[in-house]
Amino acid sequence: MAKSVLNELNCFELIQASYAAHALYFLTKIEIFEFLIAGPKTLDELNQLSKAKSDILNDLLMLATKLKFIRKKDEKYLIARKGLQLTKASKSWFRPYLLVWGAQLAPATIKLEEHFLTGDNAFKLAHKDTIWDYYNKNPEASKVFVEFMHGVTNQSLIPDIVEELIIGDAKSLVDVAGGTGSLACALASKYEKLSCIICDQPSNKINADRHIQSLELKNCQFIGTNIFGAIPPGHDVYTIKHVLHDWDNSNVIQILTSIAKAMRLDSRLVIIEGLLDREFSDSFDNPEFIHTRNFEQRVWTPGQVRSTKDFQSLCSQAGLRIESILPSRGFDMNYIECLRSPN
């Protein structure tokens, strides 16, 4: 039977859950889970290691114990199985996501009312810069964000996409804004006769080439370009995954127009995005997460999660027409297949 976590909580319970999340964020930030993975520690030892000047750590540890992220035995705290995912060694995307949420998204959420009344981006209101300018100026924050994106992409998204994406008899594929090649390299590994191109800003080339070389791929390459300008033309399939939700409508139209200009009439574009109006089956867990995901996106970027109607309008303005939409196992992924409209 499907579960729906948020639907089961009343208002009081939702607020209490937010306190719990903030407590876990703080414990992660001051590296309590790192100290505990090295071995059991007393409260005094943890206070000393974390340089605490307050007695609040005991209260936070008690809460984390009740949440089963930490255990206590003989006056010493030990890391629990759930707590392992918040350690660096686990390489889980949960840890960097929690750090991004606590340091970057939570302050932006506080600016929601000002965003509502002025239309100004909430992240910029909180941090004085748009998300991309902020990361350019704050390399440590950018590093945590990249760690989160790399983790969630490779651990949660790519396995489903590689299994679900229909390649057919395509011989070439361009992944637009493909970063360092998580998707393109995974597809190139599965389909040895498929020539894959990672298309993104030139600054990604070193890491993309390193990724390609580490997998010893002969059928994948990186091409540096501006996705608002020239996209490698004349290929069978174009993909763009979780990019359009970062941009407002005018920029989305520019990106899609660039792709449309690169496509042949028989080329396919597959947009991989969440859909607000997706009809989830009764067996699908937590369908409400697509709406909390949209809230997060609206706070974080100038973009949003969109509806089918939104994509129909945007694609039409870019010279594309939607041929089909197939759902993914992931709640925020659908395969929106488009063809270029005849002139």
C-alpha atoms as a PDB file:
ATOM      1  CA  MET A   1       0.000   0.000   0.000  1.00  0.00           C
ATOM      2  CA  ALA A   2       1.330   3.436  -0.932  1.00  0.00           C
ATOM      3  CA  LYS A   3       2.396   5.793   1.813  1.00  0.00           C
ATOM      4  CA  SER A   4       1.954   9.546   1.952  1.00  0.00           C
ATOM      5  CA  VAL A   5       4.145  10.913   4.724  1.00  0.00           C
ATOM      6  CA  LEU A   6       3.130  14.568   4.669  1.00  0.00           C
ATOM      7  CA  ASN A   7      -0.577  13.862   4.279  1.00  0.00           C
ATOM      8  CA  GLU A   8      -0.556  11.935   7.543  1.00  0.00           C
ATOM      9  CA  LEU A   9       0.849  14.845   9.582  1.00  0.00           C
ATOM     10  CA  ASN A  10      -1.236  17.625  11.076  1.00  0.00           C
ATOM     11  CA  CYS A  11      -0.014  21.216  11.281  1.00  0.00           C
ATOM     12  CA  PHE A  12       1.604  20.789  14.691  1.00  0.00           C
ATOM     13  CA  GLU A  13       3.425  17.648  13.565  1.00  0.00           C
ATOM     14  CA  LEU A  14       4.730  19.342  10.415  1.00  0.00           C
ATOM     15  CA  ILE A  15       6.177  22.175  12.488  1.00  0.00           C
ATOM     16  CA  GLN A  16       7.816  19.721  14.894  1.00  0.00           C
ATOM     17  CA  ALA A  17       9.334  17.892  11.910  1.00  0.00           C
ATOM     18  CA  SER A  18      10.925  21.148  10.758  1.00  0.00           C
ATOM     19  CA  TYR A  19      12.585  21.542  14.173  1.00  0.00           C
ATOM     20  CA  ALA A  20      13.933  18.002  13.899  1.00  0.00           C
ATOM     21  CA  ALA A  21      15.383  18.747  10.456  1.00  0.00           C
ATOM     22  CA  HIS A  22      17.095  21.894  11.757  1.00  0.00           C
ATOM     23  CA  ALA A  23      18.586  19.919  14.649  1.00  0.00           C
ATOM     24  CA  LEU A  24      19.991  17.287  12.277  1.00  0.00           C
ATOM     25  CA  TYR A  25      21.381  20.036  10.038  1.00  0.00           C
ATOM     26  CA  PHE A  26      23.220  21.622  12.951  1.00  0.00           C
ATOM     27  CA  LEU A  27      24.595  18.308  14.244  1.00  0.00           C
ATOM     28  CA  THR A  28      25.834  17.536  10.740  1.00  0.00           C
ATOM     29  CA  LYS A  29      27.374  20.974  10.326  1.00  0.00           C
ATOM     30  CA  ILE A  30      29.383  20.707  13.559  1.00  0.00           C
ATOM     31  CA  GLU A  31      30.435  17.185  12.492  1.00  0.00           C
ATOM     32  CA  ILE A  32      28.932  15.240  15.386  1.00  0.00           C
ATOM     33  CA  PHE A  33      28.347  12.259  13.103  1.00  0.00           C
ATOM     34  CA  GLU A  34      31.994  12.378  12.010  1.00  0.00           C
ATOM     35  CA  PHE A  35      33.120  12.278  15.638  1.00  0.00           C
ATOM     36  CA  LEU A  36      30.824   9.340  16.395  1.00  0.00           C
ATOM     37  CA  ILE A  37      31.808   7.256  13.390  1.00  0.00           C
ATOM     38  CA  ALA A  38      35.337   7.288  14.832  1.00  0.00           C
ATOM     39  CA  GLY A  39      33.993   5.670  18.006  1.00  0.00           C
ATOM     40  CA  PRO A  40      31.648   6.148  21.001  1.00  0.00           C
ATOM     41  CA  LYS A  41      31.903   9.511  22.762  1.00  0.00           C
ATOM     42  CA  THR A  42      30.637  10.978  26.023  1.00  0.00           C
ATOM     43  CA  LEU A  43      28.779  14.279  26.094  1.00  0.00           C
ATOM     44  CA  ASP A  44      31.854  16.020  27.513  1.00  0.00           C
ATOM     45  CA  GLU A  45      34.018  14.639  24.718  1.00  0.00           C
ATOM     46  CA  LEU A  46      31.569  15.820  22.063  1.00  0.00           C
ATOM     47  CA  ASN A  47      31.317  19.253  23.670  1.00  0.00           C
ATOM     48  CA  GLN A  48      35.100  19.523  23.626  1.00  0.00           C
ATOM     49  CA  LEU A  49      35.457  18.302  20.038  1.00  0.00           C
ATOM     50  CA  SER A  50      32.750  20.644  18.746  1.00  0.00           C
ATOM     51  CA  LYS A  51      34.012  23.600  20.836  1.00  0.00           C
ATOM     52  CA  ALA A  52      30.554  24.125  22.314  1.00  0.00           C
ATOM     53  CA  LYS A  53      29.962  27.106  24.602  1.00  0.00           C
ATOM     54  CA  SER A  54      26.347  26.183  25.322  1.00  0.00           C
ATOM     55  CA  ASP A  55      24.631  23.266  27.015  1.00  0.00           C
ATOM     56  CA  ILE A  56      22.254  22.789  24.063  1.00  0.00           C
ATOM     57  CA  LEU A  57      24.264  19.915  22.569  1.00  0.00           C
ATOM     58  CA  ASN A  58      22.854  17.480  25.130  1.00  0.00           C
ATOM     59  CA  ASP A  59      19.318  18.413  24.083  1.00  0.00           C
ATOM     60  CA  LEU A  60      20.118  18.008  20.390  1.00  0.00           C
ATOM     61  CA  LEU A  61      21.728  14.623  21.010  1.00  0.00           C
ATOM     62  CA  MET A  62      18.659  13.492  22.945  1.00  0.00           C
ATOM     63  CA  LEU A  63      16.468  14.507  20.004  1.00  0.00           C
ATOM     64  CA  ALA A  64      18.725  12.742  17.492  1.00  0.00           C
ATOM     65  CA  THR A  65      18.574   9.651  19.709  1.00  0.00           C
ATOM     66  CA  LYS A  66      14.777   9.697  19.665  1.00  0.00           C
ATOM     67  CA  LEU A  67      14.935  10.050  15.875  1.00  0.00           C
ATOM     68  CA  LYS A  68      17.243   6.984  15.798  1.00  0.00           C
ATOM     69  CA  PHE A  69      20.185   8.737  14.143  1.00  0.00           C
ATOM     70  CA  ILE A  70      22.237   8.235  17.325  1.00  0.00           C
ATOM     71  CA  ARG A  71      22.245   5.605  20.096  1.00  0.00           C
ATOM     72  CA  LYS A  72      23.256   5.940  23.729  1.00  0.00           C
ATOM     73  CA  LYS A  73      24.846   3.195  25.809  1.00  0.00           C
ATOM     74  CA  ASP A  74      26.594   3.478  29.180  1.00  0.00           C
ATOM     75  CA  GLU A  75      26.719   7.287  29.034  1.00  0.00           C
ATOM     76  CA  LYS A  76      28.326   7.227  25.607  1.00  0.00           C
ATOM     77  CA  TYR A  77      26.783   8.191  22.291  1.00  0.00           C
ATOM     78  CA  LEU A  78      27.168   5.935  19.268  1.00  0.00           C
ATOM     79  CA  ILE A  79      26.230   6.451  15.654  1.00  0.00           C
ATOM     80  CA  ALA A  80      23.111   4.553  14.523  1.00  0.00           C
ATOM     81  CA  ARG A  81      22.439   3.102  11.088  1.00  0.00           C
ATOM     82  CA  LYS A  82      20.361   6.126  10.030  1.00  0.00           C
ATOM     83  CA  GLY A  83      23.151   8.429  11.169  1.00  0.00           C
ATOM     84  CA  LEU A  84      25.644   6.816   8.804  1.00  0.00           C
ATOM     85  CA  GLN A  85      23.988   8.538   5.832  1.00  0.00           C
ATOM     86  CA  LEU A  86      24.992  11.897   7.340  1.00  0.00           C
ATOM     87  CA  THR A  87      28.705  11.066   7.387  1.00  0.00           C
ATOM     88  CA  LYS A  88      31.181  12.018   4.689  1.00  0.00           C
ATOM     89  CA  ALA A  89      32.301   8.413   4.325  1.00  0.00           C
ATOM     90  CA  SER A  90      28.831   7.274   3.255  1.00  0.00           C
ATOM     91  CA  LYS A  91      28.956   9.549   0.183  1.00  0.00           C
ATOM     92  CA  SER A  92      25.157   9.694   0.410  1.00  0.00           C
ATOM     93  CA  TRP A  93      23.498  12.701  -1.238  1.00  0.00           C
ATOM     94  CA  PHE A  94      21.430  13.186   1.938  1.00  0.00           C
ATOM     95  CA  ARG A  95      24.338  14.845   3.748  1.00  0.00           C
ATOM     96  CA  PRO A  96      25.132  17.611   1.216  1.00  0.00           C
ATOM     97  CA  TYR A  97      21.404  18.105   0.589  1.00  0.00           C
ATOM     98  CA  LEU A  98      20.824  18.690   4.311  1.00  0.00           C
ATOM     99  CA  LEU A  99      23.738  21.160   4.404  1.00  0.00           C
ATOM    100  CA  VAL A 100      22.463  23.020   1.328  1.00  0.00           C
ATOM    101  CA  TRP A 101      18.966  23.113   2.783  1.00  0.00           C
ATOM    102  CA  GLY A 102      20.043  24.427   6.178  1.00  0.00           C
ATOM    103  CA  ALA A 103      22.554  27.052   5.034  1.00  0.00           C
ATOM    104  CA  GLN A 104      21.076  28.167   1.712  1.00  0.00           C
ATOM    105  CA  LEU A 105      17.417  27.229   1.307  1.00  0.00           C
ATOM    106  CA  ALA A 106      16.103  27.792   4.833  1.00  0.00           C
ATOM    107  CA  PRO A 107      17.204  31.468   4.852  1.00  0.00           C
ATOM    108  CA  ALA A 108      15.606  31.905   1.421  1.00  0.00           C
ATOM    109  CA  THR A 109      12.339  30.403   2.641  1.00  0.00           C
ATOM    110  CA  ILE A 110      12.132  33.115   5.298  1.00  0.00           C
ATOM    111  CA  LYS A 111      12.007  35.628   2.426  1.00  0.00           C
ATOM    112  CA  LEU A 112       8.882  34.014   0.941  1.00  0.00           C
ATOM    113  CA  GLU A 113       6.566  36.870   1.941  1.00  0.00           C
ATOM    114  CA  GLU A 114       8.861  39.470   0.370  1.00  0.00           C
ATOM    115  CA  HIS A 115       9.114  37.315  -2.760  1.00  0.00           C
ATOM    116  CA  PHE A 116       5.319  37.066  -2.834  1.00  0.00           C
ATOM    117  CA  LEU A 117       4.841  40.827  -2.528  1.00  0.00           C
ATOM    118  CA  THR A 118       7.653  41.977  -4.840  1.00  0.00           C
ATOM    119  CA  GLY A 119       8.302  39.102  -7.245  1.00  0.00           C
ATOM    120  CA  ASP A 120      12.023  39.241  -6.425  1.00  0.00           C
ATOM    121  CA  ASN A 121      13.814  35.888  -6.190  1.00  0.00           C
ATOM    122  CA  ALA A 122      13.770  34.605  -2.591  1.00  0.00           C
ATOM    123  CA  PHE A 123      17.300  33.189  -2.777  1.00  0.00           C
ATOM    124  CA  LYS A 124      18.638  36.537  -3.976  1.00  0.00           C
ATOM    125  CA  LEU A 125      16.727  38.367  -1.243  1.00  0.00           C
ATOM    126  CA  ALA A 126      18.381  36.141   1.368  1.00  0.00           C
ATOM    127  CA  HIS A 127      21.894  35.941  -0.070  1.00  0.00           C
ATOM    128  CA  LYS A 128      22.173  39.183  -2.101  1.00  0.00           C
ATOM    129  CA  ASP A 129      22.932  37.212  -5.278  1.00  0.00           C
ATOM    130  CA  THR A 130      21.160  34.840  -7.627  1.00  0.00           C
ATOM    131  CA  ILE A 131      22.005  31.182  -7.107  1.00  0.00           C
ATOM    132  CA  TRP A 132      24.654  31.112  -9.868  1.00  0.00           C
ATOM    133  CA  ASP A 133      26.364  34.371  -8.849  1.00  0.00           C
ATOM    134  CA  TYR A 134      26.301  33.218  -5.230  1.00  0.00           C
ATOM    135  CA  TYR A 135      28.087  29.980  -6.106  1.00  0.00           C
ATOM    136  CA  ASN A 136      30.643  31.824  -8.226  1.00  0.00           C
ATOM    137  CA  LYS A 137      31.497  34.009  -5.232  1.00  0.00           C
ATOM    138  CA  ASN A 138      31.282  31.282  -2.569  1.00  0.00           C
ATOM    139  CA  PRO A 139      33.358  28.262  -3.631  1.00  0.00           C
ATOM    140  CA  GLU A 140      32.687  26.285  -0.425  1.00  0.00           C
ATOM    141  CA  ALA A 141      28.914  26.647  -0.842  1.00  0.00           C
ATOM    142  CA  SER A 142      29.303  25.721  -4.506  1.00  0.00           C
ATOM    143  CA  LYS A 143      31.312  22.631  -3.560  1.00  0.00           C
ATOM    144  CA  VAL A 144      28.535  21.363  -1.272  1.00  0.00           C
ATOM    145  CA  PHE A 145      25.917  22.074  -3.949  1.00  0.00           C
ATOM    146  CA  VAL A 146      27.934  20.206  -6.599  1.00  0.00           C
ATOM    147  CA  GLU A 147      28.414  17.293  -4.193  1.00  0.00           C
ATOM    148  CA  PHE A 148      24.649  17.144  -3.649  1.00  0.00           C
ATOM    149  CA  MET A 149      23.834  17.360  -7.357  1.00  0.00           C
ATOM    150  CA  HIS A 150      26.429  14.740  -8.273  1.00  0.00           C
ATOM    151  CA  GLY A 151      25.175  12.421  -5.557  1.00  0.00           C
ATOM    152  CA  VAL A 152      21.447  12.685  -6.200  1.00  0.00           C
ATOM    153  CA  THR A 153      21.986  12.421  -9.955  1.00  0.00           C
ATOM    154  CA  ASN A 154      24.162   9.315  -9.869  1.00  0.00           C
ATOM    155  CA  GLN A 155      22.566   7.560  -6.900  1.00  0.00           C
ATOM    156  CA  SER A 156      18.902   8.344  -7.496  1.00  0.00           C
ATOM    157  CA  LEU A 157      18.186   9.543 -11.044  1.00  0.00           C
ATOM    158  CA  ILE A 158      20.614   8.027 -13.550  1.00  0.00           C
ATOM    159  CA  PRO A 159      19.848   4.345 -12.839  1.00  0.00           C
ATOM    160  CA  ASP A 160      16.159   4.927 -13.624  1.00  0.00           C
ATOM    161  CA  ILE A 161      16.831   7.038 -16.723  1.00  0.00           C
ATOM    162  CA  VAL A 162      19.283   4.555 -18.246  1.00  0.00           C
ATOM    163  CA  GLU A 163      16.735   1.783 -17.789  1.00  0.00           C
ATOM    164  CA  GLU A 164      13.680   3.761 -18.927  1.00  0.00           C
ATOM    165  CA  LEU A 165      14.888   6.065 -21.715  1.00  0.00           C
ATOM    166  CA  ILE A 166      13.963   4.696 -25.142  1.00  0.00           C
ATOM    167  CA  ILE A 167      16.983   4.919 -27.455  1.00  0.00           C
ATOM    168  CA  GLY A 168      15.567   2.859 -30.329  1.00  0.00           C
ATOM    169  CA  ASP A 169      17.783   2.805 -33.408  1.00  0.00           C
ATOM    170  CA  ALA A 170      19.450   6.146 -32.612  1.00  0.00           C
ATOM    171  CA  LYS A 171      23.133   6.332 -33.452  1.00  0.00           C
ATOM    172  CA  SER A 172      23.948   9.678 -31.815  1.00  0.00           C
ATOM    173  CA  LEU A 173      22.790  11.567 -28.724  1.00  0.00           C
ATOM    174  CA  VAL A 174      23.511  15.023 -27.319  1.00  0.00           C
ATOM    175  CA  ASP A 175      22.889  15.665 -23.622  1.00  0.00           C
ATOM    176  CA  VAL A 176      22.327  19.422 -23.394  1.00  0.00           C
ATOM    177  CA  ALA A 177      23.673  21.051 -20.212  1.00  0.00           C
ATOM    178  CA  GLY A 178      25.019  17.622 -19.323  1.00  0.00           C
ATOM    179  CA  GLY A 179      27.559  18.867 -16.774  1.00  0.00           C
ATOM    180  CA  THR A 180      30.442  16.440 -16.405  1.00  0.00           C
ATOM    181  CA  GLY A 181      28.601  13.644 -18.168  1.00  0.00           C
ATOM    182  CA  SER A 182      26.657  11.592 -15.631  1.00  0.00           C
ATOM    183  CA  LEU A 183      23.855  10.784 -18.085  1.00  0.00           C
ATOM    184  CA  ALA A 184      25.828  10.722 -21.339  1.00  0.00           C
ATOM    185  CA  CYS A 185      28.537   8.478 -19.887  1.00  0.00           C
ATOM    186  CA  ALA A 186      25.968   6.095 -18.403  1.00  0.00           C
ATOM    187  CA  LEU A 187      24.196   5.819 -21.759  1.00  0.00           C
ATOM    188  CA  ALA A 188      27.493   5.432 -23.627  1.00  0.00           C
ATOM    189  CA  SER A 189      28.429   2.616 -21.252  1.00  0.00           C
ATOM    190  CA  LYS A 190      25.159   0.796 -21.910  1.00  0.00           C
ATOM    191  CA  TYR A 191      24.966   1.399 -25.670  1.00  0.00           C
ATOM    192  CA  GLU A 192      28.404   0.884 -27.192  1.00  0.00           C
ATOM    193  CA  LYS A 193      27.204   1.824 -30.697  1.00  0.00           C
ATOM    194  CA  LEU A 194      25.605   5.069 -29.512  1.00  0.00           C
ATOM    195  CA  SER A 195      27.818   8.135 -29.990  1.00  0.00           C
ATOM    196  CA  CYS A 196      27.188  10.435 -27.011  1.00  0.00           C
ATOM    197  CA  ILE A 197      28.040  14.121 -26.674  1.00  0.00           C
ATOM    198  CA  ILE A 198      28.089  16.094 -23.440  1.00  0.00           C
ATOM    199  CA  CYS A 199      27.166  19.684 -24.280  1.00  0.00           C
ATOM    200  CA  ASP A 200      27.824  22.298 -21.585  1.00  0.00           C
ATOM    201  CA  GLN A 201      29.871  25.356 -20.701  1.00  0.00           C
ATOM    202  CA  PRO A 202      33.605  24.959 -21.431  1.00  0.00           C
ATOM    203  CA  SER A 203      34.528  25.130 -17.727  1.00  0.00           C
ATOM    204  CA  ASN A 204      33.165  21.586 -17.321  1.00  0.00           C
ATOM    205  CA  LYS A 205      35.546  20.102 -19.902  1.00  0.00           C
ATOM    206  CA  ILE A 206      38.366  19.012 -17.574  1.00  0.00           C
ATOM    207  CA  ASN A 207      36.082  17.098 -15.215  1.00  0.00           C
ATOM    208  CA  ALA A 208      33.993  15.688 -18.068  1.00  0.00           C
ATOM    209  CA  ASP A 209      37.075  14.427 -19.906  1.00  0.00           C
ATOM    210  CA  ARG A 210      38.348  12.907 -16.669  1.00  0.00           C
ATOM    211  CA  HIS A 211      35.002  11.128 -16.211  1.00  0.00           C
ATOM    212  CA  ILE A 212      35.065   9.800 -19.779  1.00  0.00           C
ATOM    213  CA  GLN A 213      38.649   8.578 -19.420  1.00  0.00           C
ATOM    214  CA  SER A 214      37.964   6.875 -16.085  1.00  0.00           C
ATOM    215  CA  LEU A 215      35.288   4.765 -17.785  1.00  0.00           C
ATOM    216  CA  GLU A 216      37.510   4.166 -20.842  1.00  0.00           C
ATOM    217  CA  LEU A 217      34.703   5.257 -23.160  1.00  0.00           C
ATOM    218  CA  LYS A 218      35.410   5.531 -26.875  1.00  0.00           C
ATOM    219  CA  ASN A 219      31.884   6.667 -27.796  1.00  0.00           C
ATOM    220  CA  CYS A 220      31.557   9.779 -25.624  1.00  0.00           C
ATOM    221  CA  GLN A 221      32.999  13.278 -25.931  1.00  0.00           C
ATOM    222  CA  PHE A 222      32.573  16.735 -24.433  1.00  0.00           C
ATOM    223  CA  ILE A 223      31.793  19.838 -26.513  1.00  0.00           C
ATOM    224  CA  GLY A 224      31.949  23.196 -24.765  1.00  0.00           C
ATOM    225  CA  THR A 225      29.275  25.661 -25.790  1.00  0.00           C
ATOM    226  CA  ASN A 226      26.649  28.111 -24.566  1.00  0.00           C
ATOM    227  CA  ILE A 227      23.299  26.313 -24.417  1.00  0.00           C
ATOM    228  CA  PHE A 228      21.567  29.583 -25.280  1.00  0.00           C
ATOM    229  CA  GLY A 229      23.509  29.646 -28.539  1.00  0.00           C
ATOM    230  CA  ALA A 230      24.932  26.922 -30.734  1.00  0.00           C
ATOM    231  CA  ILE A 231      23.992  23.322 -29.902  1.00  0.00           C
ATOM    232  CA  PRO A 232      25.791  20.541 -31.858  1.00  0.00           C
ATOM    233  CA  PRO A 233      23.512  20.064 -34.899  1.00  0.00           C
ATOM    234  CA  GLY A 234      22.139  17.102 -36.784  1.00  0.00           C
ATOM    235  CA  HIS A 235      21.991  14.338 -34.160  1.00  0.00           C
ATOM    236  CA  ASP A 236      19.356  11.669 -33.624  1.00  0.00           C
ATOM    237  CA  VAL A 237      18.420  12.316 -29.999  1.00  0.00           C
ATOM    238  CA  TYR A 238      18.761  15.347 -27.729  1.00  0.00           C
ATOM    239  CA  THR A 239      18.181  15.144 -23.981  1.00  0.00           C
ATOM    240  CA  ILE A 240      17.935  17.836 -21.332  1.00  0.00           C
ATOM    241  CA  LYS A 241      17.503  16.684 -17.736  1.00  0.00           C
ATOM    242  CA  HIS A 242      16.430  18.802 -14.762  1.00  0.00           C
ATOM    243  CA  VAL A 243      17.708  22.010 -16.334  1.00  0.00           C
ATOM    244  CA  LEU A 244      14.602  23.866 -17.466  1.00  0.00           C
ATOM    245  CA  HIS A 245      13.174  23.981 -13.941  1.00  0.00           C
ATOM    246  CA  ASP A 246      16.059  26.333 -13.021  1.00  0.00           C
ATOM    247  CA  TRP A 247      14.992  29.001 -15.525  1.00  0.00           C
ATOM    248  CA  ASP A 248      12.118  31.405 -16.091  1.00  0.00           C
ATOM    249  CA  ASN A 249       9.898  31.042 -19.147  1.00  0.00           C
ATOM    250  CA  SER A 250      11.789  33.425 -21.423  1.00  0.00           C
ATOM    251  CA  ASN A 251      15.086  31.612 -20.831  1.00  0.00           C
ATOM    252  CA  VAL A 252      13.426  28.208 -21.247  1.00  0.00           C
ATOM    253  CA  ILE A 253      12.139  29.304 -24.655  1.00  0.00           C
ATOM    254  CA  GLN A 254      15.658  30.435 -25.630  1.00  0.00           C
ATOM    255  CA  ILE A 255      17.177  27.095 -24.605  1.00  0.00           C
ATOM    256  CA  LEU A 256      14.507  25.060 -26.387  1.00  0.00           C
ATOM    257  CA  THR A 257      14.800  27.254 -29.483  1.00  0.00           C
ATOM    258  CA  SER A 258      18.564  26.601 -29.593  1.00  0.00           C
ATOM    259  CA  ILE A 259      17.918  22.863 -29.433  1.00  0.00           C
ATOM    260  CA  ALA A 260      15.170  23.040 -32.064  1.00  0.00           C
ATOM    261  CA  LYS A 261      17.522  24.826 -34.464  1.00  0.00           C
ATOM    262  CA  ALA A 262      20.076  22.036 -34.019  1.00  0.00           C
ATOM    263  CA  MET A 263      17.556  19.250 -34.651  1.00  0.00           C
ATOM    264  CA  ARG A 264      16.728  17.575 -37.936  1.00  0.00           C
ATOM    265  CA  LEU A 265      13.048  17.044 -38.685  1.00  0.00           C
ATOM    266  CA  ASP A 266      13.459  13.401 -37.641  1.00  0.00           C
ATOM    267  CA  SER A 267      15.500  14.171 -34.505  1.00  0.00           C
ATOM    268  CA  ARG A 268      13.942  13.626 -31.094  1.00  0.00           C
ATOM    269  CA  LEU A 269      14.237  15.834 -28.013  1.00  0.00           C
ATOM    270  CA  VAL A 270      13.516  14.215 -24.649  1.00  0.00           C
ATOM    271  CA  ILE A 271      12.890  16.723 -21.860  1.00  0.00           C
ATOM    272  CA  ILE A 272      13.289  15.045 -18.467  1.00  0.00           C
ATOM    273  CA  GLU A 273      11.363  17.028 -15.866  1.00  0.00           C
ATOM    274  CA  GLY A 274       8.729  16.748 -13.162  1.00  0.00           C
ATOM    275  CA  LEU A 275       5.104  17.602 -13.968  1.00  0.00           C
ATOM    276  CA  LEU A 276       2.751  19.263 -11.502  1.00  0.00           C
ATOM    277  CA  ASP A 277      -0.300  17.658 -13.103  1.00  0.00           C
ATOM    278  CA  ARG A 278       1.097  14.131 -13.280  1.00  0.00           C
ATOM    279  CA  GLU A 279      -1.488  11.547 -12.268  1.00  0.00           C
ATOM    280  CA  PHE A 280       0.285   9.204  -9.880  1.00  0.00           C
ATOM    281  CA  SER A 281      -0.958   5.655  -9.454  1.00  0.00           C
ATOM    282  CA  ASP A 282      -2.444   4.592  -6.125  1.00  0.00           C
ATOM    283  CA  SER A 283       0.684   2.540  -5.443  1.00  0.00           C
ATOM    284  CA  PHE A 284       3.052   5.531  -5.796  1.00  0.00           C
ATOM    285  CA  ASP A 285       4.575   6.714  -2.505  1.00  0.00           C
ATOM    286  CA  ASN A 286       4.467  10.388  -1.537  1.00  0.00           C
ATOM    287  CA  PRO A 287       2.958  11.987  -4.665  1.00  0.00           C
ATOM    288  CA  GLU A 288       2.719  15.263  -2.734  1.00  0.00           C
ATOM    289  CA  PHE A 289       6.514  15.568  -2.961  1.00  0.00           C
ATOM    290  CA  ILE A 290       6.209  17.024  -6.485  1.00  0.00           C
ATOM    291  CA  HIS A 291       4.536  20.071  -4.913  1.00  0.00           C
ATOM    292  CA  THR A 292       7.092  20.481  -2.112  1.00  0.00           C
ATOM    293  CA  ARG A 293       9.742  20.074  -4.823  1.00  0.00           C
ATOM    294  CA  ASN A 294       8.111  22.923  -6.744  1.00  0.00           C
ATOM    295  CA  PHE A 295       8.089  25.091  -3.619  1.00  0.00           C
ATOM    296  CA  GLU A 296      11.800  24.399  -3.178  1.00  0.00           C
ATOM    297  CA  GLN A 297      12.503  25.253  -6.813  1.00  0.00           C
ATOM    298  CA  ARG A 298      10.572  28.539  -6.603  1.00  0.00           C
ATOM    299  CA  VAL A 299      12.543  29.573  -3.524  1.00  0.00           C
ATOM    300  CA  TRP A 300      15.903  28.439  -4.928  1.00  0.00           C
ATOM    301  CA  THR A 301      15.870  29.620  -8.546  1.00  0.00           C
ATOM    302  CA  PRO A 302      13.953  31.866 -10.955  1.00  0.00           C
ATOM    303  CA  GLY A 303      12.370  28.670 -12.331  1.00  0.00           C
ATOM    304  CA  GLN A 304       9.727  26.192 -11.242  1.00  0.00           C
ATOM    305  CA  VAL A 305       8.296  22.728 -11.762  1.00  0.00           C
ATOM    306  CA  ARG A 306       5.785  23.071 -14.599  1.00  0.00           C
ATOM    307  CA  SER A 307       2.599  21.456 -15.870  1.00  0.00           C
ATOM    308  CA  THR A 308       1.943  19.669 -19.159  1.00  0.00           C
ATOM    309  CA  LYS A 309       0.098  22.755 -20.393  1.00  0.00           C
ATOM    310  CA  ASP A 310       3.127  24.921 -19.545  1.00  0.00           C
ATOM    311  CA  PHE A 311       5.437  22.690 -21.586  1.00  0.00           C
ATOM    312  CA  GLN A 312       3.029  22.590 -24.509  1.00  0.00           C
ATOM    313  CA  SER A 313       3.084  26.393 -24.634  1.00  0.00           C
ATOM    314  CA  LEU A 314       6.855  26.736 -24.172  1.00  0.00           C
ATOM    315  CA  CYS A 315       7.655  24.060 -26.750  1.00  0.00           C
ATOM    316  CA  SER A 316       5.272  25.598 -29.270  1.00  0.00           C
ATOM    317  CA  GLN A 317       6.955  28.999 -28.899  1.00  0.00           C
ATOM    318  CA  ALA A 318      10.347  27.327 -29.449  1.00  0.00           C
ATOM    319  CA  GLY A 319       9.332  25.571 -32.662  1.00  0.00           C
ATOM    320  CA  LEU A 320       8.720  22.163 -31.090  1.00  0.00           C
ATOM    321  CA  ARG A 321       5.700  19.929 -30.640  1.00  0.00           C
ATOM    322  CA  ILE A 322       5.188  17.345 -27.913  1.00  0.00           C
ATOM    323  CA  GLU A 323       4.652  13.847 -29.288  1.00  0.00           C
ATOM    324  CA  SER A 324       4.369  11.830 -26.078  1.00  0.00           C
ATOM    325  CA  ILE A 325       4.863  11.945 -22.309  1.00  0.00           C
ATOM    326  CA  LEU A 326       5.914   8.889 -20.335  1.00  0.00           C
ATOM    327  CA  PRO A 327       6.268   8.803 -16.525  1.00  0.00           C
ATOM    328  CA  SER A 328       9.367   7.627 -14.690  1.00  0.00           C
ATOM    329  CA  ARG A 329       9.624   5.702 -11.445  1.00  0.00           C
ATOM    330  CA  GLY A 330      11.015   8.942 -10.022  1.00  0.00           C
ATOM    331  CA  PHE A 331       8.374  11.340  -8.752  1.00  0.00           C
ATOM    332  CA  ASP A 332       9.997  14.375 -10.379  1.00  0.00           C
ATOM    333  CA  MET A 333      10.867  12.824 -13.746  1.00  0.00           C
ATOM    334  CA  ASN A 334       8.829  12.361 -16.911  1.00  0.00           C
ATOM    335  CA  TYR A 335      10.028  11.812 -20.467  1.00  0.00           C
ATOM    336  CA  ILE A 336       8.552  14.578 -22.606  1.00  0.00           C
ATOM    337  CA  GLU A 337       9.371  13.610 -26.192  1.00  0.00           C
ATOM    338  CA  CYS A 338       9.334  16.393 -28.783  1.00  0.00           C
ATOM    339  CA  LEU A 339       9.841  16.782 -32.515  1.00  0.00           C
ATOM    340  CA  ARG A 340      10.779  19.889 -34.424  1.00  0.00           C
ATOM    341  CA  SER A 341       7.801  21.619 -35.977  1.00  0.00           C
ATOM    342  CA  PRO A 342       7.962  21.946 -39.788  1.00  0.00           C
ATOM    343  CA  ASN A 343       8.679  25.499 -40.930  1.00  0.00           C
END
